[in-house]
PDB file of N, CA and C in Angstrom:
ATOM      1  N   UNK A   1      -3.423 -13.328   9.922  1.00  0.00           N
ATOM      2  CA  UNK A   1      -3.762 -13.085   8.528  1.00  0.00           C
ATOM      3  C   UNK A   1      -3.480 -11.630   8.134  1.00  0.00           C
ATOM      4  N   UNK A   2      -3.651 -10.710   9.095  1.00  0.00           N
ATOM      5  CA  UNK A   2      -3.398  -9.302   8.799  1.00  0.00           C
ATOM      6  C   UNK A   2      -1.927  -9.065   8.455  1.00  0.00           C
ATOM      7  N   UNK A   3      -1.018  -9.681   9.220  1.00  0.00           N
ATOM      8  CA  UNK A   3       0.407  -9.482   8.936  1.00  0.00           C
ATOM      9  C   UNK A   3       0.776 -10.073   7.579  1.00  0.00           C
ATOM     10  N   UNK A   4       0.130 -11.162   7.221  1.00  0.00           N
ATOM     11  CA  UNK A   4       0.379 -11.770   5.916  1.00  0.00           C
ATOM     12  C   UNK A   4      -0.062 -10.823   4.794  1.00  0.00           C
ATOM     13  N   UNK A   5      -1.221 -10.217   4.960  1.00  0.00           N
ATOM     14  CA  UNK A   5      -1.710  -9.275   3.945  1.00  0.00           C
ATOM     15  C   UNK A   5      -0.838  -8.032   3.871  1.00  0.00           C
ATOM     16  N   UNK A   6      -0.374  -7.568   5.019  1.00  0.00           N
ATOM     17  CA  UNK A   6       0.519  -6.407   5.007  1.00  0.00           C
ATOM     18  C   UNK A   6       1.801  -6.712   4.235  1.00  0.00           C
ATOM     19  N   UNK A   7       2.294  -7.928   4.368  1.00  0.00           N
ATOM     20  CA  UNK A   7       3.487  -8.306   3.601  1.00  0.00           C
ATOM     21  C   UNK A   7       3.166  -8.439   2.116  1.00  0.00           C
ATOM     22  N   UNK A   8       1.946  -8.873   1.789  1.00  0.00           N
ATOM     23  CA  UNK A   8       1.528  -8.922   0.379  1.00  0.00           C
ATOM     24  C   UNK A   8       1.522  -7.524  -0.220  1.00  0.00           C
ATOM     25  N   UNK A   9       1.317  -6.529   0.613  1.00  0.00           N
ATOM     26  CA  UNK A   9       1.275  -5.149   0.138  1.00  0.00           C
ATOM     27  C   UNK A   9       2.671  -4.520   0.166  1.00  0.00           C
ATOM     28  N   UNK A  10       3.370  -4.634   1.301  1.00  0.00           N
ATOM     29  CA  UNK A  10       4.622  -3.903   1.497  1.00  0.00           C
ATOM     30  C   UNK A  10       5.792  -4.450   0.676  1.00  0.00           C
ATOM     31  N   UNK A  11       5.923  -5.769   0.607  1.00  0.00           N
ATOM     32  CA  UNK A  11       7.103  -6.324  -0.063  1.00  0.00           C
ATOM     33  C   UNK A  11       7.110  -6.062  -1.571  1.00  0.00           C
ATOM     34  N   UNK A  12       6.031  -6.349  -2.324  1.00  0.00           N
ATOM     35  CA  UNK A  12       6.069  -6.013  -3.755  1.00  0.00           C
ATOM     36  C   UNK A  12       6.225  -4.510  -3.993  1.00  0.00           C
ATOM     37  N   UNK A  13       5.621  -3.701  -3.108  1.00  0.00           N
ATOM     38  CA  UNK A  13       5.757  -2.257  -3.258  1.00  0.00           C
ATOM     39  C   UNK A  13       7.207  -1.818  -3.039  1.00  0.00           C
ATOM     40  N   UNK A  14       7.882  -2.444  -2.084  1.00  0.00           N
ATOM     41  CA  UNK A  14       9.291  -2.136  -1.822  1.00  0.00           C
ATOM     42  C   UNK A  14      10.144  -2.468  -3.047  1.00  0.00           C
ATOM     43  N   UNK A  15       9.925  -3.641  -3.625  1.00  0.00           N
ATOM     44  CA  UNK A  15      10.685  -4.033  -4.815  1.00  0.00           C
ATOM     45  C   UNK A  15      10.399  -3.109  -5.994  1.00  0.00           C
ATOM     46  N   UNK A  16       9.137  -2.736  -6.159  1.00  0.00           N
ATOM     47  CA  UNK A  16       8.754  -1.828  -7.234  1.00  0.00           C
ATOM     48  C   UNK A  16       9.391  -0.453  -7.038  1.00  0.00           C
ATOM     49  N   UNK A  17       9.395   0.034  -5.809  1.00  0.00           N
ATOM     50  CA  UNK A  17      10.019   1.337  -5.529  1.00  0.00           C
ATOM     51  C   UNK A  17      11.511   1.300  -5.843  1.00  0.00           C
ATOM     52  N   UNK A  18      12.162   0.202  -5.512  1.00  0.00           N
ATOM     53  CA  UNK A  18      13.586   0.067  -5.835  1.00  0.00           C
ATOM     54  C   UNK A  18      13.837   0.091  -7.330  1.00  0.00           C
ATOM     55  N   UNK A  19      13.004  -0.624  -8.084  1.00  0.00           N
ATOM     56  CA  UNK A  19      13.159  -0.627  -9.545  1.00  0.00           C
ATOM     57  C   UNK A  19      12.885   0.753 -10.136  1.00  0.00           C
ATOM     58  N   UNK A  20      11.845   1.426  -9.642  1.00  0.00           N
ATOM     59  CA  UNK A  20      11.550   2.773 -10.128  1.00  0.00           C
ATOM     60  C   UNK A  20      12.684   3.740  -9.827  1.00  0.00           C
ATOM     61  N   UNK A  21      13.261   3.598  -8.652  1.00  0.00           N
ATOM     62  CA  UNK A  21      14.384   4.446  -8.254  1.00  0.00           C
ATOM     63  C   UNK A  21      15.538   4.305  -9.256  1.00  0.00           C
ATOM     64  N   UNK A  22      15.869   3.075  -9.589  1.00  0.00           N
ATOM     65  CA  UNK A  22      16.963   2.820 -10.529  1.00  0.00           C
ATOM     66  C   UNK A  22      16.623   3.363 -11.912  1.00  0.00           C
ATOM     67  N   UNK A  23      15.387   3.123 -12.365  1.00  0.00           N
ATOM     68  CA  UNK A  23      14.998   3.581 -13.702  1.00  0.00           C
ATOM     69  C   UNK A  23      14.959   5.106 -13.800  1.00  0.00           C
ATOM     70  N   UNK A  24      14.335   5.751 -12.820  1.00  0.00           N
ATOM     71  CA  UNK A  24      14.190   7.215 -12.881  1.00  0.00           C
ATOM     72  C   UNK A  24      15.540   7.896 -12.740  1.00  0.00           C
ATOM     73  N   UNK A  25      16.313   7.518 -11.737  1.00  0.00           N
ATOM     74  CA  UNK A  25      17.555   8.237 -11.501  1.00  0.00           C
ATOM     75  C   UNK A  25      18.712   7.709 -12.344  1.00  0.00           C
ATOM     76  N   UNK A  26      18.451   6.700 -13.147  1.00  0.00           N
ATOM     77  CA  UNK A  26      19.403   6.313 -14.178  1.00  0.00           C
ATOM     78  C   UNK A  26      19.369   7.294 -15.347  1.00  0.00           C
ATOM     79  N   UNK A  27      18.243   8.025 -15.448  1.00  0.00           N
ATOM     80  CA  UNK A  27      18.081   8.971 -16.551  1.00  0.00           C
ATOM     81  C   UNK A  27      18.044  10.429 -16.096  1.00  0.00           C
ATOM     82  N   UNK A  28      17.783  10.675 -14.814  1.00  0.00           N
ATOM     83  CA  UNK A  28      17.617  12.040 -14.317  1.00  0.00           C
ATOM     84  C   UNK A  28      18.617  12.291 -13.192  1.00  0.00           C
ATOM     85  N   UNK A  29      19.303  13.416 -13.285  1.00  0.00           N
ATOM     86  CA  UNK A  29      20.210  13.823 -12.208  1.00  0.00           C
ATOM     87  C   UNK A  29      19.410  14.647 -11.197  1.00  0.00           C
ATOM     88  N   UNK A  30      19.414  14.269  -9.924  1.00  0.00           N
ATOM     89  CA  UNK A  30      18.644  15.010  -8.927  1.00  0.00           C
ATOM     90  C   UNK A  30      19.015  16.491  -8.839  1.00  0.00           C
ATOM     91  N   UNK A  31      20.225  16.843  -9.181  1.00  0.00           N
ATOM     92  CA  UNK A  31      20.639  18.248  -9.119  1.00  0.00           C
ATOM     93  C   UNK A  31      20.008  19.076 -10.242  1.00  0.00           C
ATOM     94  N   UNK A  32      19.475  18.422 -11.271  1.00  0.00           N
ATOM     95  CA  UNK A  32      18.823  19.125 -12.381  1.00  0.00           C
ATOM     96  C   UNK A  32      17.337  19.343 -12.138  1.00  0.00           C
ATOM     97  N   UNK A  33      16.779  18.782 -11.079  1.00  0.00           N
ATOM     98  CA  UNK A  33      15.354  18.902 -10.808  1.00  0.00           C
ATOM     99  C   UNK A  33      15.012  20.299 -10.303  1.00  0.00           C
ATOM    100  N   UNK A  34      13.809  20.761 -10.666  1.00  0.00           N
ATOM    101  CA  UNK A  34      13.329  22.064 -10.225  1.00  0.00           C
ATOM    102  C   UNK A  34      11.941  21.910  -9.632  1.00  0.00           C
ATOM    103  N   UNK A  35      11.626  22.772  -8.660  1.00  0.00           N
ATOM    104  CA  UNK A  35      10.319  22.785  -8.022  1.00  0.00           C
ATOM    105  C   UNK A  35       9.736  24.180  -8.229  1.00  0.00           C
ATOM    106  N   UNK A  36       8.698  24.306  -9.054  1.00  0.00           N
ATOM    107  CA  UNK A  36       8.071  25.580  -9.402  1.00  0.00           C
ATOM    108  C   UNK A  36       9.093  26.583  -9.936  1.00  0.00           C
ATOM    109  N   UNK A  37       9.972  26.102 -10.802  1.00  0.00           N
ATOM    110  CA  UNK A  37      10.954  26.970 -11.448  1.00  0.00           C
ATOM    111  C   UNK A  37      12.205  27.246 -10.643  1.00  0.00           C
ATOM    112  N   UNK A  38      12.301  26.728  -9.431  1.00  0.00           N
ATOM    113  CA  UNK A  38      13.476  26.936  -8.588  1.00  0.00           C
ATOM    114  C   UNK A  38      14.191  25.611  -8.380  1.00  0.00           C
ATOM    115  N   UNK A  39      15.523  25.613  -8.414  1.00  0.00           N
ATOM    116  CA  UNK A  39      16.245  24.353  -8.187  1.00  0.00           C
ATOM    117  C   UNK A  39      16.020  23.838  -6.758  1.00  0.00           C
ATOM    118  N   UNK A  40      15.981  22.536  -6.637  1.00  0.00           N
ATOM    119  CA  UNK A  40      15.836  21.933  -5.311  1.00  0.00           C
ATOM    120  C   UNK A  40      17.088  22.188  -4.490  1.00  0.00           C
ATOM    121  N   UNK A  41      16.904  22.536  -3.250  1.00  0.00           N
ATOM    122  CA  UNK A  41      18.048  22.791  -2.380  1.00  0.00           C
ATOM    123  C   UNK A  41      18.288  21.590  -1.473  1.00  0.00           C
ATOM    124  N   UNK A  42      18.255  20.424  -2.060  1.00  0.00           N
ATOM    125  CA  UNK A  42      18.480  19.176  -1.325  1.00  0.00           C
ATOM    126  C   UNK A  42      19.680  18.456  -1.935  1.00  0.00           C
ATOM    127  N   UNK A  43      20.347  17.681  -1.122  1.00  0.00           N
ATOM    128  CA  UNK A  43      21.460  16.886  -1.646  1.00  0.00           C
ATOM    129  C   UNK A  43      20.911  15.754  -2.511  1.00  0.00           C
ATOM    130  N   UNK A  44      21.781  15.170  -3.294  1.00  0.00           N
ATOM    131  CA  UNK A  44      21.372  14.033  -4.128  1.00  0.00           C
ATOM    132  C   UNK A  44      20.809  12.903  -3.280  1.00  0.00           C
ATOM    133  N   UNK A  45      21.477  12.619  -2.190  1.00  0.00           N
ATOM    134  CA  UNK A  45      21.037  11.524  -1.321  1.00  0.00           C
ATOM    135  C   UNK A  45      19.646  11.806  -0.744  1.00  0.00           C
ATOM    136  N   UNK A  46      19.362  13.049  -0.404  1.00  0.00           N
ATOM    137  CA  UNK A  46      18.036  13.414   0.109  1.00  0.00           C
ATOM    138  C   UNK A  46      16.966  13.213  -0.961  1.00  0.00           C
ATOM    139  N   UNK A  47      17.254  13.617  -2.176  1.00  0.00           N
ATOM    140  CA  UNK A  47      16.301  13.441  -3.275  1.00  0.00           C
ATOM    141  C   UNK A  47      16.073  11.955  -3.525  1.00  0.00           C
ATOM    142  N   UNK A  48      17.144  11.159  -3.523  1.00  0.00           N
ATOM    143  CA  UNK A  48      17.002   9.716  -3.710  1.00  0.00           C
ATOM    144  C   UNK A  48      16.112   9.115  -2.619  1.00  0.00           C
ATOM    145  N   UNK A  49      16.349   9.521  -1.383  1.00  0.00           N
ATOM    146  CA  UNK A  49      15.582   8.968  -0.253  1.00  0.00           C
ATOM    147  C   UNK A  49      14.119   9.370  -0.321  1.00  0.00           C
ATOM    148  N   UNK A  50      13.863  10.656  -0.535  1.00  0.00           N
ATOM    149  CA  UNK A  50      12.479  11.127  -0.617  1.00  0.00           C
ATOM    150  C   UNK A  50      11.741  10.473  -1.781  1.00  0.00           C
ATOM    151  N   UNK A  51      12.391  10.391  -2.919  1.00  0.00           N
ATOM    152  CA  UNK A  51      11.761   9.776  -4.082  1.00  0.00           C
ATOM    153  C   UNK A  51      11.455   8.304  -3.818  1.00  0.00           C
ATOM    154  N   UNK A  52      12.379   7.597  -3.163  1.00  0.00           N
ATOM    155  CA  UNK A  52      12.125   6.194  -2.858  1.00  0.00           C
ATOM    156  C   UNK A  52      10.883   6.043  -2.006  1.00  0.00           C
ATOM    157  N   UNK A  53      10.730   6.867  -0.962  1.00  0.00           N
ATOM    158  CA  UNK A  53       9.563   6.748  -0.098  1.00  0.00           C
ATOM    159  C   UNK A  53       8.275   7.160  -0.803  1.00  0.00           C
ATOM    160  N   UNK A  54       8.356   8.126  -1.707  1.00  0.00           N
ATOM    161  CA  UNK A  54       7.175   8.478  -2.504  1.00  0.00           C
ATOM    162  C   UNK A  54       6.808   7.317  -3.422  1.00  0.00           C
ATOM    163  N   UNK A  55       7.789   6.745  -4.106  1.00  0.00           N
ATOM    164  CA  UNK A  55       7.525   5.590  -4.972  1.00  0.00           C
ATOM    165  C   UNK A  55       6.947   4.430  -4.171  1.00  0.00           C
ATOM    166  N   UNK A  56       7.499   4.191  -2.993  1.00  0.00           N
ATOM    167  CA  UNK A  56       7.040   3.100  -2.138  1.00  0.00           C
ATOM    168  C   UNK A  56       5.596   3.331  -1.696  1.00  0.00           C
ATOM    169  N   UNK A  57       5.279   4.564  -1.316  1.00  0.00           N
ATOM    170  CA  UNK A  57       3.917   4.882  -0.899  1.00  0.00           C
ATOM    171  C   UNK A  57       2.904   4.684  -2.012  1.00  0.00           C
ATOM    172  N   UNK A  58       3.236   5.150  -3.210  1.00  0.00           N
ATOM    173  CA  UNK A  58       2.328   4.986  -4.346  1.00  0.00           C
ATOM    174  C   UNK A  58       2.159   3.504  -4.686  1.00  0.00           C
ATOM    175  N   UNK A  59       3.242   2.758  -4.670  1.00  0.00           N
ATOM    176  CA  UNK A  59       3.163   1.326  -4.961  1.00  0.00           C
ATOM    177  C   UNK A  59       2.386   0.586  -3.871  1.00  0.00           C
ATOM    178  N   UNK A  60       2.501   1.024  -2.595  1.00  0.00           N
ATOM    179  CA  UNK A  60       1.721   0.401  -1.526  1.00  0.00           C
ATOM    180  C   UNK A  60       0.228   0.673  -1.709  1.00  0.00           C
ATOM    181  N   UNK A  61      -0.119   1.876  -2.143  1.00  0.00           N
ATOM    182  CA  UNK A  61      -1.526   2.166  -2.430  1.00  0.00           C
ATOM    183  C   UNK A  61      -2.054   1.247  -3.527  1.00  0.00           C
ATOM    184  N   UNK A  62      -1.259   1.058  -4.552  1.00  0.00           N
ATOM    185  CA  UNK A  62      -1.657   0.180  -5.648  1.00  0.00           C
ATOM    186  C   UNK A  62      -1.807  -1.267  -5.178  1.00  0.00           C
ATOM    187  N   UNK A  63      -0.823  -1.760  -4.430  1.00  0.00           N
ATOM    188  CA  UNK A  63      -0.895  -3.141  -3.926  1.00  0.00           C
ATOM    189  C   UNK A  63      -2.038  -3.304  -2.928  1.00  0.00           C
ATOM    190  N   UNK A  64      -2.268  -2.295  -2.113  1.00  0.00           N
ATOM    191  CA  UNK A  64      -3.363  -2.354  -1.149  1.00  0.00           C
ATOM    192  C   UNK A  64      -4.715  -2.395  -1.826  1.00  0.00           C
ATOM    193  N   UNK A  65      -4.884  -1.614  -2.871  1.00  0.00           N
ATOM    194  CA  UNK A  65      -6.134  -1.635  -3.616  1.00  0.00           C
ATOM    195  C   UNK A  65      -6.342  -2.987  -4.284  1.00  0.00           C
ATOM    196  N   UNK A  66      -5.280  -3.546  -4.831  1.00  0.00           N
ATOM    197  CA  UNK A  66      -5.373  -4.867  -5.436  1.00  0.00           C
ATOM    198  C   UNK A  66      -5.764  -5.920  -4.401  1.00  0.00           C
ATOM    199  N   UNK A  67      -5.171  -5.867  -3.212  1.00  0.00           N
ATOM    200  CA  UNK A  67      -5.507  -6.809  -2.143  1.00  0.00           C
ATOM    201  C   UNK A  67      -6.952  -6.635  -1.701  1.00  0.00           C
ATOM    202  N   UNK A  68      -7.412  -5.393  -1.600  1.00  0.00           N
ATOM    203  CA  UNK A  68      -8.797  -5.135  -1.218  1.00  0.00           C
ATOM    204  C   UNK A  68      -9.768  -5.686  -2.256  1.00  0.00           C
ATOM    205  N   UNK A  69      -9.473  -5.459  -3.523  1.00  0.00           N
ATOM    206  CA  UNK A  69     -10.364  -5.930  -4.581  1.00  0.00           C
ATOM    207  C   UNK A  69     -10.319  -7.445  -4.768  1.00  0.00           C
ATOM    208  N   UNK A  70      -9.274  -8.098  -4.279  1.00  0.00           N
ATOM    209  CA  UNK A  70      -9.152  -9.548  -4.406  1.00  0.00           C
ATOM    210  C   UNK A  70      -9.901 -10.310  -3.316  1.00  0.00           C
ATOM    211  N   UNK A  71     -10.460  -9.597  -2.323  1.00  0.00           N
ATOM    212  CA  UNK A  71     -11.185 -10.274  -1.254  1.00  0.00           C
ATOM    213  C   UNK A  71     -12.495 -10.849  -1.780  1.00  0.00           C
ATOM    214  N   UNK A  72     -12.851 -11.999  -1.234  1.00  0.00           N
ATOM    215  CA  UNK A  72     -14.116 -12.631  -1.607  1.00  0.00           C
ATOM    216  C   UNK A  72     -15.261 -11.924  -0.891  1.00  0.00           C
ATOM    217  N   UNK A  73     -16.488 -12.081  -1.369  1.00  0.00           N
ATOM    218  CA  UNK A  73     -17.636 -11.486  -0.670  1.00  0.00           C
ATOM    219  C   UNK A  73     -17.749 -11.982   0.775  1.00  0.00           C
ATOM    220  N   UNK A  74     -17.373 -13.233   1.019  1.00  0.00           N
ATOM    221  CA  UNK A  74     -17.424 -13.760   2.382  1.00  0.00           C
ATOM    222  C   UNK A  74     -16.487 -12.979   3.296  1.00  0.00           C
ATOM    223  N   UNK A  75     -15.273 -12.706   2.825  1.00  0.00           N
ATOM    224  CA  UNK A  75     -14.299 -11.972   3.646  1.00  0.00           C
ATOM    225  C   UNK A  75     -14.771 -10.546   3.930  1.00  0.00           C
ATOM    226  N   UNK A  76     -15.414  -9.925   2.952  1.00  0.00           N
ATOM    227  CA  UNK A  76     -15.856  -8.552   3.118  1.00  0.00           C
ATOM    228  C   UNK A  76     -17.060  -8.477   4.061  1.00  0.00           C
ATOM    229  N   UNK A  77     -17.978  -9.433   3.963  1.00  0.00           N
ATOM    230  CA  UNK A  77     -19.247  -9.360   4.686  1.00  0.00           C
ATOM    231  C   UNK A  77     -19.291 -10.110   6.008  1.00  0.00           C
ATOM    232  N   UNK A  78     -18.275 -10.890   6.326  1.00  0.00           N
ATOM    233  CA  UNK A  78     -18.343 -11.679   7.556  1.00  0.00           C
ATOM    234  C   UNK A  78     -18.213 -10.785   8.786  1.00  0.00           C
ATOM    235  N   UNK A  79     -18.769 -11.259   9.871  1.00  0.00           N
ATOM    236  CA  UNK A  79     -18.720 -10.522  11.127  1.00  0.00           C
ATOM    237  C   UNK A  79     -17.524 -11.028  11.938  1.00  0.00           C
ATOM    238  N   UNK A  80     -16.636 -10.148  12.391  1.00  0.00           N
ATOM    239  CA  UNK A  80     -15.433 -10.596  13.097  1.00  0.00           C
ATOM    240  C   UNK A  80     -15.662 -10.950  14.568  1.00  0.00           C
ATOM    241  N   UNK A  81     -16.858 -10.734  15.097  1.00  0.00           N
ATOM    242  CA  UNK A  81     -17.130 -10.973  16.508  1.00  0.00           C
ATOM    243  C   UNK A  81     -17.635 -12.386  16.749  1.00  0.00           C
ATOM    244  N   UNK A  82     -17.392 -12.953  17.929  1.00  0.00           N
ATOM    245  CA  UNK A  82     -17.985 -14.248  18.272  1.00  0.00           C
ATOM    246  C   UNK A  82     -19.512 -14.135  18.268  1.00  0.00           C
ATOM    247  N   UNK A  83     -20.193 -15.272  18.078  1.00  0.00           N
ATOM    248  CA  UNK A  83     -21.650 -15.273  17.906  1.00  0.00           C
ATOM    249  C   UNK A  83     -22.385 -14.617  19.067  1.00  0.00           C
ATOM    250  N   UNK A  84     -21.926 -14.801  20.291  1.00  0.00           N
ATOM    251  CA  UNK A  84     -22.641 -14.237  21.442  1.00  0.00           C
ATOM    252  C   UNK A  84     -22.360 -12.756  21.670  1.00  0.00           C
ATOM    253  N   UNK A  85     -21.378 -12.173  20.965  1.00  0.00           N
ATOM    254  CA  UNK A  85     -21.025 -10.761  21.142  1.00  0.00           C
ATOM    255  C   UNK A  85     -21.344  -9.912  19.911  1.00  0.00           C
ATOM    256  N   UNK A  86     -22.067 -10.461  18.962  1.00  0.00           N
ATOM    257  CA  UNK A  86     -22.316  -9.754  17.709  1.00  0.00           C
ATOM    258  C   UNK A  86     -23.352  -8.656  17.872  1.00  0.00           C
ATOM    259  N   UNK A  87     -23.090  -7.475  17.263  1.00  0.00           N
ATOM    260  CA  UNK A  87     -24.110  -6.432  17.252  1.00  0.00           C
ATOM    261  C   UNK A  87     -25.236  -6.806  16.293  1.00  0.00           C
ATOM    262  N   UNK A  88     -26.294  -6.045  16.286  1.00  0.00           N
ATOM    263  CA  UNK A  88     -27.472  -6.372  15.489  1.00  0.00           C
ATOM    264  C   UNK A  88     -27.213  -6.483  13.995  1.00  0.00           C
ATOM    265  N   UNK A  89     -26.250  -5.748  13.454  1.00  0.00           N
ATOM    266  CA  UNK A  89     -26.008  -5.761  12.007  1.00  0.00           C
ATOM    267  C   UNK A  89     -25.214  -6.973  11.539  1.00  0.00           C
ATOM    268  N   UNK A  90     -24.615  -7.712  12.455  1.00  0.00           N
ATOM    269  CA  UNK A  90     -23.816  -8.877  12.075  1.00  0.00           C
ATOM    270  C   UNK A  90     -24.708 -10.099  11.899  1.00  0.00           C
ATOM    271  N   UNK A  91     -24.315 -11.034  11.031  1.00  0.00           N
ATOM    272  CA  UNK A  91     -25.072 -12.278  10.874  1.00  0.00           C
ATOM    273  C   UNK A  91     -25.113 -13.053  12.193  1.00  0.00           C
ATOM    274  N   UNK A  92     -26.181 -13.802  12.397  1.00  0.00           N
ATOM    275  CA  UNK A  92     -26.382 -14.529  13.646  1.00  0.00           C
ATOM    276  C   UNK A  92     -25.874 -15.970  13.588  1.00  0.00           C
ATOM    277  N   UNK A  93     -25.707 -16.520  12.416  1.00  0.00           N
ATOM    278  CA  UNK A  93     -25.309 -17.914  12.308  1.00  0.00           C
ATOM    279  C   UNK A  93     -23.817 -18.085  12.551  1.00  0.00           C
ATOM    280  N   UNK A  94     -23.437 -19.255  13.021  1.00  0.00           N
ATOM    281  CA  UNK A  94     -22.024 -19.552  13.322  1.00  0.00           C
ATOM    282  C   UNK A  94     -21.139 -19.522  12.087  1.00  0.00           C
ATOM    283  N   UNK A  95     -21.700 -19.896  10.915  1.00  0.00           N
ATOM    284  CA  UNK A  95     -20.875 -19.965   9.706  1.00  0.00           C
ATOM    285  C   UNK A  95     -20.666 -18.586   9.093  1.00  0.00           C
ATOM    286  N   UNK A  96     -21.254 -17.536   9.673  1.00  0.00           N
ATOM    287  CA  UNK A  96     -21.036 -16.180   9.180  1.00  0.00           C
ATOM    288  C   UNK A  96     -22.006 -15.757   8.105  1.00  0.00           C
ATOM    289  N   UNK A  97     -22.904 -16.652   7.665  1.00  0.00           N
ATOM    290  CA  UNK A  97     -23.881 -16.315   6.640  1.00  0.00           C
ATOM    291  C   UNK A  97     -25.069 -15.613   7.276  1.00  0.00           C
ATOM    292  N   UNK A  98     -25.743 -14.800   6.500  1.00  0.00           N
ATOM    293  CA  UNK A  98     -26.920 -14.106   7.012  1.00  0.00           C
ATOM    294  C   UNK A  98     -28.013 -15.118   7.298  1.00  0.00           C
ATOM    295  N   UNK A  99     -28.785 -14.895   8.359  1.00  0.00           N
ATOM    296  CA  UNK A  99     -29.849 -15.836   8.688  1.00  0.00           C
ATOM    297  C   UNK A  99     -31.163 -15.381   8.117  1.00  0.00           C
TER     298      UNK A  99
END
């Protein structure tokens, strides 16, 4: 289930980063960018690559937050340990509900 959720986060974020890359650099030339008043000393390809990973990271944070907020109370509160190995704070019943 974890790998499935990671794909729910990574794949839409990847597509979003690609679209943002096309939209932003369709209007902005990387050689015209400045950092604190100084021109960037990076090649166009470097700026494209760095920007893509920044866009991807921000989109992954957004998708991850959405996935976290979409969890049901049962998923958030259930104890992941088997019944005989549960610490004191975990529910004691087999169905995961508090006793």
